[in-house]
Amino acid sequence: MLLRNSNLKYIKINRVRLKVASQKKVTEIFKEFFESIKGTVKGLKGYAIFEYIENDKETVVLTFWENRKDMENYYSKDNKILSDLVDKVKPMFEQMPERSDYKIALFEIG
């Protein structure tokens, strides 16, 4: 499936470094969080959670956005929903997540 004219335009990559034996718990918390906000965040079109196979101390979370402004608003310091999530999982972090913004040039699955 090729998404040439998709409404997915931007992606936020969140690289999370975890303490030992935290990956599965953090993944469950992230899954529950995204299920709880599904359909309520303006511009958020989806997400993906990746557990690094070679190192269980690393997880990557991708969020897919319709536009950059909504993405920036969501990841602002004023977003209590996001800051509450970070506070909940922070004890399992080895260090705070590294975040990067990308514009989607091509997205193909299948």
C-alpha atoms as a PDB file:
ATOM      1  CA  MET A   1       0.000   0.000   0.000  1.00  0.00           C
ATOM      2  CA  LEU A   2       1.482   3.315  -1.069  1.00  0.00           C
ATOM      3  CA  LEU A   3       0.178   6.451   0.625  1.00  0.00           C
ATOM      4  CA  ARG A   4       1.077   9.207  -1.846  1.00  0.00           C
ATOM      5  CA  ASN A   5      -1.796  11.589  -1.122  1.00  0.00           C
ATOM      6  CA  SER A   6      -2.172  10.658   2.504  1.00  0.00           C
ATOM      7  CA  ASN A   7      -3.060  13.056   5.269  1.00  0.00           C
ATOM      8  CA  LEU A   8       0.097  11.899   7.064  1.00  0.00           C
ATOM      9  CA  LYS A   9       2.543  14.755   6.638  1.00  0.00           C
ATOM     10  CA  TYR A  10       4.758  14.805   9.744  1.00  0.00           C
ATOM     11  CA  ILE A  11       6.264  12.342  12.166  1.00  0.00           C
ATOM     12  CA  LYS A  12       7.710  12.759  15.636  1.00  0.00           C
ATOM     13  CA  ILE A  13      10.315  10.170  16.585  1.00  0.00           C
ATOM     14  CA  ASN A  14      10.719   9.605  20.324  1.00  0.00           C
ATOM     15  CA  ARG A  15      13.743   7.493  21.236  1.00  0.00           C
ATOM     16  CA  VAL A  16      13.398   6.248  24.809  1.00  0.00           C
ATOM     17  CA  ARG A  17      16.330   4.807  26.796  1.00  0.00           C
ATOM     18  CA  LEU A  18      15.082   2.637  29.628  1.00  0.00           C
ATOM     19  CA  LYS A  19      16.338   1.088  32.816  1.00  0.00           C
ATOM     20  CA  VAL A  20      16.880  -2.676  32.863  1.00  0.00           C
ATOM     21  CA  ALA A  21      13.695  -4.794  32.716  1.00  0.00           C
ATOM     22  CA  SER A  22      11.418  -1.800  31.987  1.00  0.00           C
ATOM     23  CA  GLN A  23      10.653  -2.224  28.287  1.00  0.00           C
ATOM     24  CA  LYS A  24       7.527  -4.406  28.511  1.00  0.00           C
ATOM     25  CA  LYS A  25       5.983  -2.285  31.274  1.00  0.00           C
ATOM     26  CA  VAL A  26       6.663   0.968  29.401  1.00  0.00           C
ATOM     27  CA  THR A  27       5.185  -0.515  26.205  1.00  0.00           C
ATOM     28  CA  GLU A  28       1.995  -1.451  28.060  1.00  0.00           C
ATOM     29  CA  ILE A  29       1.709   2.032  29.565  1.00  0.00           C
ATOM     30  CA  PHE A  30       2.222   3.612  26.117  1.00  0.00           C
ATOM     31  CA  LYS A  31      -0.402   1.307  24.542  1.00  0.00           C
ATOM     32  CA  GLU A  32      -2.945   2.184  27.238  1.00  0.00           C
ATOM     33  CA  PHE A  33      -2.142   5.879  26.872  1.00  0.00           C
ATOM     34  CA  PHE A  34      -2.628   5.938  23.098  1.00  0.00           C
ATOM     35  CA  GLU A  35      -5.858   3.950  23.370  1.00  0.00           C
ATOM     36  CA  SER A  36      -7.139   6.475  25.926  1.00  0.00           C
ATOM     37  CA  ILE A  37      -6.449   9.491  23.679  1.00  0.00           C
ATOM     38  CA  LYS A  38      -7.495   7.895  20.372  1.00  0.00           C
ATOM     39  CA  GLY A  39      -9.617  10.340  18.377  1.00  0.00           C
ATOM     40  CA  THR A  40      -9.200  13.185  20.875  1.00  0.00           C
ATOM     41  CA  VAL A  41      -5.932  14.832  19.792  1.00  0.00           C
ATOM     42  CA  LYS A  42      -6.219  17.264  16.902  1.00  0.00           C
ATOM     43  CA  GLY A  43      -4.046  16.239  13.962  1.00  0.00           C
ATOM     44  CA  LEU A  44      -2.795  12.963  15.462  1.00  0.00           C
ATOM     45  CA  LYS A  45      -3.325  10.291  12.808  1.00  0.00           C
ATOM     46  CA  GLY A  46      -1.642   7.318  14.435  1.00  0.00           C
ATOM     47  CA  TYR A  47       1.300   5.947  16.314  1.00  0.00           C
ATOM     48  CA  ALA A  48       3.722   3.029  16.380  1.00  0.00           C
ATOM     49  CA  ILE A  49       5.746   1.557  19.228  1.00  0.00           C
ATOM     50  CA  PHE A  50       8.960  -0.340  18.461  1.00  0.00           C
ATOM     51  CA  GLU A  51      10.896  -2.438  20.967  1.00  0.00           C
ATOM     52  CA  TYR A  52      14.542  -2.752  19.977  1.00  0.00           C
ATOM     53  CA  ILE A  53      15.332  -6.467  19.517  1.00  0.00           C
ATOM     54  CA  GLU A  54      19.049  -6.239  20.303  1.00  0.00           C
ATOM     55  CA  ASN A  55      18.687  -4.034  23.386  1.00  0.00           C
ATOM     56  CA  ASP A  56      15.671  -4.204  25.682  1.00  0.00           C
ATOM     57  CA  LYS A  57      16.680  -0.863  27.162  1.00  0.00           C
ATOM     58  CA  GLU A  58      15.496   1.028  24.083  1.00  0.00           C
ATOM     59  CA  THR A  59      12.059   1.732  22.652  1.00  0.00           C
ATOM     60  CA  VAL A  60      11.057   4.049  19.828  1.00  0.00           C
ATOM     61  CA  VAL A  61       7.637   5.678  19.597  1.00  0.00           C
ATOM     62  CA  LEU A  62       6.485   7.281  16.352  1.00  0.00           C
ATOM     63  CA  THR A  63       3.517   9.623  16.172  1.00  0.00           C
ATOM     64  CA  PHE A  64       2.025  10.540  12.792  1.00  0.00           C
ATOM     65  CA  TRP A  65       0.569  14.004  12.217  1.00  0.00           C
ATOM     66  CA  GLU A  66      -1.595  15.798   9.718  1.00  0.00           C
ATOM     67  CA  ASN A  67       0.231  19.098  10.180  1.00  0.00           C
ATOM     68  CA  ARG A  68       3.244  20.510  11.958  1.00  0.00           C
ATOM     69  CA  LYS A  69       1.332  23.004  14.110  1.00  0.00           C
ATOM     70  CA  ASP A  70      -0.762  20.275  15.772  1.00  0.00           C
ATOM     71  CA  MET A  71       2.373  18.197  16.344  1.00  0.00           C
ATOM     72  CA  GLU A  72       4.177  21.137  17.953  1.00  0.00           C
ATOM     73  CA  ASN A  73       1.147  21.993  20.101  1.00  0.00           C
ATOM     74  CA  TYR A  74       0.895  18.417  21.352  1.00  0.00           C
ATOM     75  CA  TYR A  75       4.582  18.238  22.273  1.00  0.00           C
ATOM     76  CA  SER A  76       4.595  21.657  23.969  1.00  0.00           C
ATOM     77  CA  LYS A  77       5.493  21.981  27.641  1.00  0.00           C
ATOM     78  CA  ASP A  78       1.914  23.131  28.286  1.00  0.00           C
ATOM     79  CA  ASN A  79       0.378  19.759  27.346  1.00  0.00           C
ATOM     80  CA  LYS A  80      -0.693  18.312  30.691  1.00  0.00           C
ATOM     81  CA  ILE A  81      -1.800  14.985  29.166  1.00  0.00           C
ATOM     82  CA  LEU A  82       1.671  14.360  27.750  1.00  0.00           C
ATOM     83  CA  SER A  83       3.491  15.647  30.836  1.00  0.00           C
ATOM     84  CA  ASP A  84       1.378  13.339  33.029  1.00  0.00           C
ATOM     85  CA  LEU A  85       2.419  10.371  30.862  1.00  0.00           C
ATOM     86  CA  VAL A  86       6.088  11.353  31.069  1.00  0.00           C
ATOM     87  CA  ASP A  87       5.833  11.712  34.861  1.00  0.00           C
ATOM     88  CA  LYS A  88       4.293   8.224  35.079  1.00  0.00           C
ATOM     89  CA  VAL A  89       7.069   6.500  33.091  1.00  0.00           C
ATOM     90  CA  LYS A  90       9.970   8.755  34.102  1.00  0.00           C
ATOM     91  CA  PRO A  91      11.126   6.406  36.913  1.00  0.00           C
ATOM     92  CA  MET A  92      11.734   3.753  34.233  1.00  0.00           C
ATOM     93  CA  PHE A  93      13.810   6.074  32.008  1.00  0.00           C
ATOM     94  CA  GLU A  94      17.564   5.848  31.987  1.00  0.00           C
ATOM     95  CA  GLN A  95      17.474   9.280  30.368  1.00  0.00           C
ATOM     96  CA  MET A  96      14.760  11.557  29.008  1.00  0.00           C
ATOM     97  CA  PRO A  97      13.528  10.752  25.477  1.00  0.00           C
ATOM     98  CA  GLU A  98      15.285  12.207  22.452  1.00  0.00           C
ATOM     99  CA  ARG A  99      12.741  13.727  20.065  1.00  0.00           C
ATOM    100  CA  SER A 100      13.136  14.468  16.369  1.00  0.00           C
ATOM    101  CA  ASP A 101      10.724  15.929  13.806  1.00  0.00           C
ATOM    102  CA  TYR A 102      10.470  14.726  10.223  1.00  0.00           C
ATOM    103  CA  LYS A 103       8.353  15.577   7.208  1.00  0.00           C
ATOM    104  CA  ILE A 104       7.085  12.447   5.461  1.00  0.00           C
ATOM    105  CA  ALA A 105       8.329  12.356   1.882  1.00  0.00           C
ATOM    106  CA  LEU A 106       7.016   8.854   1.112  1.00  0.00           C
ATOM    107  CA  PHE A 107       5.234   6.251   3.232  1.00  0.00           C
ATOM    108  CA  GLU A 108       4.720   2.772   1.814  1.00  0.00           C
ATOM    109  CA  ILE A 109       3.555  -0.456   3.448  1.00  0.00           C
ATOM    110  CA  GLY A 110       3.137  -3.768   1.726  1.00  0.00           C
END
